[in-house]
C-alpha atoms as a PDB file:
ATOM      1  CA  MET A   1       2.107  -5.744   8.003  1.00  0.00           C
ATOM      2  CA  PHE A   2       4.113  -6.970   5.052  1.00  0.00           C
ATOM      3  CA  LEU A   3       6.580  -5.817   2.419  1.00  0.00           C
ATOM      4  CA  ALA A   4       5.490  -5.018  -1.115  1.00  0.00           C
ATOM      5  CA  LYS A   5       6.769  -3.351  -4.239  1.00  0.00           C
ATOM      6  CA  VAL A   6       4.960  -0.433  -5.893  1.00  0.00           C
ATOM      7  CA  ARG A   7       4.247  -1.589  -9.446  1.00  0.00           C
ATOM      8  CA  GLY A   8       2.214   1.332 -10.777  1.00  0.00           C
ATOM      9  CA  THR A   9      -0.307   4.093 -10.219  1.00  0.00           C
ATOM     10  CA  VAL A  10      -4.087   4.267 -10.417  1.00  0.00           C
ATOM     11  CA  VAL A  11      -6.019   7.288 -11.681  1.00  0.00           C
ATOM     12  CA  SER A  12      -9.709   7.297 -10.828  1.00  0.00           C
ATOM     13  CA  THR A  13     -11.708  10.433 -11.517  1.00  0.00           C
ATOM     14  CA  SER A  14     -14.920   8.815 -10.299  1.00  0.00           C
ATOM     15  CA  LYS A  15     -14.640   7.191  -6.870  1.00  0.00           C
ATOM     16  CA  ASP A  16     -16.175   7.005  -3.408  1.00  0.00           C
ATOM     17  CA  ALA A  17     -16.164  10.446  -1.760  1.00  0.00           C
ATOM     18  CA  ARG A  18     -14.082   9.086   1.139  1.00  0.00           C
ATOM     19  CA  LEU A  19     -11.250   8.349  -1.312  1.00  0.00           C
ATOM     20  CA  VAL A  20     -11.088  11.851  -2.804  1.00  0.00           C
ATOM     21  CA  GLY A  21      -7.597  13.248  -2.312  1.00  0.00           C
ATOM     22  CA  CYS A  22      -6.041   9.807  -1.735  1.00  0.00           C
ATOM     23  CA  LYS A  23      -3.097   8.686  -3.862  1.00  0.00           C
ATOM     24  CA  LEU A  24      -3.730   5.158  -5.172  1.00  0.00           C
ATOM     25  CA  LEU A  25      -0.875   2.824  -6.088  1.00  0.00           C
ATOM     26  CA  VAL A  26      -0.712  -0.713  -7.459  1.00  0.00           C
ATOM     27  CA  THR A  27       1.327  -2.844  -5.041  1.00  0.00           C
ATOM     28  CA  GLN A  28       2.329  -6.487  -4.923  1.00  0.00           C
ATOM     29  CA  ARG A  29       3.475  -8.452  -1.868  1.00  0.00           C
ATOM     30  CA  LEU A  30       7.095  -9.609  -1.718  1.00  0.00           C
ATOM     31  CA  GLY A  31       8.315 -13.004  -0.520  1.00  0.00           C
ATOM     32  CA  ILE A  32      11.392 -13.633   1.613  1.00  0.00           C
ATOM     33  CA  ASP A  33      13.683 -13.668  -1.441  1.00  0.00           C
ATOM     34  CA  GLY A  34      12.175 -10.528  -2.978  1.00  0.00           C
ATOM     35  CA  GLU A  35       9.968 -12.391  -5.460  1.00  0.00           C
ATOM     36  CA  PHE A  36       6.402 -11.270  -6.161  1.00  0.00           C
ATOM     37  CA  VAL A  37       3.754 -13.236  -4.272  1.00  0.00           C
ATOM     38  CA  GLY A  38       0.015 -13.271  -4.994  1.00  0.00           C
ATOM     39  CA  GLN A  39      -1.914 -10.793  -7.069  1.00  0.00           C
ATOM     40  CA  PRO A  40      -1.330  -7.016  -7.324  1.00  0.00           C
ATOM     41  CA  GLU A  41      -3.749  -4.825  -5.369  1.00  0.00           C
ATOM     42  CA  VAL A  42      -4.557  -1.149  -4.975  1.00  0.00           C
ATOM     43  CA  SER A  43      -3.220   0.532  -1.831  1.00  0.00           C
ATOM     44  CA  ILE A  44      -3.665   4.022  -0.390  1.00  0.00           C
ATOM     45  CA  ASP A  45      -0.350   5.892  -0.125  1.00  0.00           C
ATOM     46  CA  THR A  46       0.154   7.945   3.063  1.00  0.00           C
ATOM     47  CA  VAL A  47       3.941   8.405   2.829  1.00  0.00           C
ATOM     48  CA  GLY A  48       4.714   9.601  -0.721  1.00  0.00           C
ATOM     49  CA  ALA A  49       5.919   6.303  -2.194  1.00  0.00           C
ATOM     50  CA  GLY A  50       6.764   5.958  -5.868  1.00  0.00           C
ATOM     51  CA  VAL A  51       6.848   3.256  -8.515  1.00  0.00           C
ATOM     52  CA  GLY A  52       9.650   0.754  -7.933  1.00  0.00           C
ATOM     53  CA  GLU A  53       9.977   1.391  -4.199  1.00  0.00           C
ATOM     54  CA  THR A  54       9.693  -1.300  -1.554  1.00  0.00           C
ATOM     55  CA  VAL A  55       7.064  -0.352   1.009  1.00  0.00           C
ATOM     56  CA  ILE A  56       5.439  -1.508   4.237  1.00  0.00           C
ATOM     57  CA  ILE A  57       1.707  -2.198   3.957  1.00  0.00           C
ATOM     58  CA  THR A  58      -0.907  -2.655   6.632  1.00  0.00           C
ATOM     59  CA  LYS A  59      -4.360  -4.076   5.951  1.00  0.00           C
ATOM     60  CA  GLY A  60      -7.862  -4.178   7.395  1.00  0.00           C
ATOM     61  CA  SER A  61      -8.917  -1.898  10.243  1.00  0.00           C
ATOM     62  CA  SER A  62      -5.292  -0.819  10.754  1.00  0.00           C
ATOM     63  CA  ALA A  63      -5.248   0.397   7.146  1.00  0.00           C
ATOM     64  CA  ARG A  64      -8.313   2.550   7.737  1.00  0.00           C
ATOM     65  CA  TYR A  65      -6.815   3.916  10.950  1.00  0.00           C
ATOM     66  CA  ALA A  66      -3.573   4.820   9.135  1.00  0.00           C
ATOM     67  CA  THR A  67      -5.503   6.948   6.634  1.00  0.00           C
ATOM     68  CA  ARG A  68      -7.408   8.701   9.444  1.00  0.00           C
ATOM     69  CA  SER A  69     -10.621   7.548   7.758  1.00  0.00           C
ATOM     70  CA  ASP A  70     -13.791   6.531   9.509  1.00  0.00           C
ATOM     71  CA  ALA A  71     -14.553   2.884  10.185  1.00  0.00           C
ATOM     72  CA  ALA A  72     -16.878   2.699   7.183  1.00  0.00           C
ATOM     73  CA  SER A  73     -14.214   3.913   4.743  1.00  0.00           C
ATOM     74  CA  PRO A  74     -13.595   1.537   1.790  1.00  0.00           C
ATOM     75  CA  VAL A  75      -9.863   1.172   2.528  1.00  0.00           C
ATOM     76  CA  ASP A  76      -8.285  -2.267   2.909  1.00  0.00           C
ATOM     77  CA  ALA A  77      -4.566  -1.673   2.246  1.00  0.00           C
ATOM     78  CA  THR A  78      -2.442   1.349   3.199  1.00  0.00           C
ATOM     79  CA  ILE A  79       1.226   2.087   2.574  1.00  0.00           C
ATOM     80  CA  VAL A  80       2.652   3.196   5.927  1.00  0.00           C
ATOM     81  CA  GLY A  81       6.406   3.182   5.252  1.00  0.00           C
ATOM     82  CA  ILE A  82       9.102   3.254   2.582  1.00  0.00           C
ATOM     83  CA  VAL A  83      11.866   0.680   3.091  1.00  0.00           C
ATOM     84  CA  ASP A  84      15.463   1.887   2.953  1.00  0.00           C
ATOM     85  CA  GLN A  85      17.165  -1.435   3.647  1.00  0.00           C
ATOM     86  CA  ILE A  86      16.312  -5.049   4.420  1.00  0.00           C
ATOM     87  CA  GLU A  87      18.584  -7.433   6.310  1.00  0.00           C
ATOM     88  CA  ILE A  88      17.566 -11.085   6.726  1.00  0.00           C
ATOM     89  CA  GLU A  89      19.711 -13.608   8.563  1.00  0.00           C
ATOM     90  CA  ARG A  90      19.654 -17.141   7.223  1.00  0.00           C
END
């Protein structure tokens, strides 16, 4: 799992049947100092996150499990939590 920021939304009227009813958001991983790391990606939202929120993302088979999808579902990243606060000791 990792932290990311929701950067935007995705609207797709034509998509795989296993994604119908799923909310799609553009997310980007956050580094230790809150900076954006890597490229943005599309994630399935299971917790009602919104643009600008910091979220917890899981990937791979755990992401499919979190959406209650079957193993063949085309899901690779799922938002599983909304972050209220982050504390990092240095």
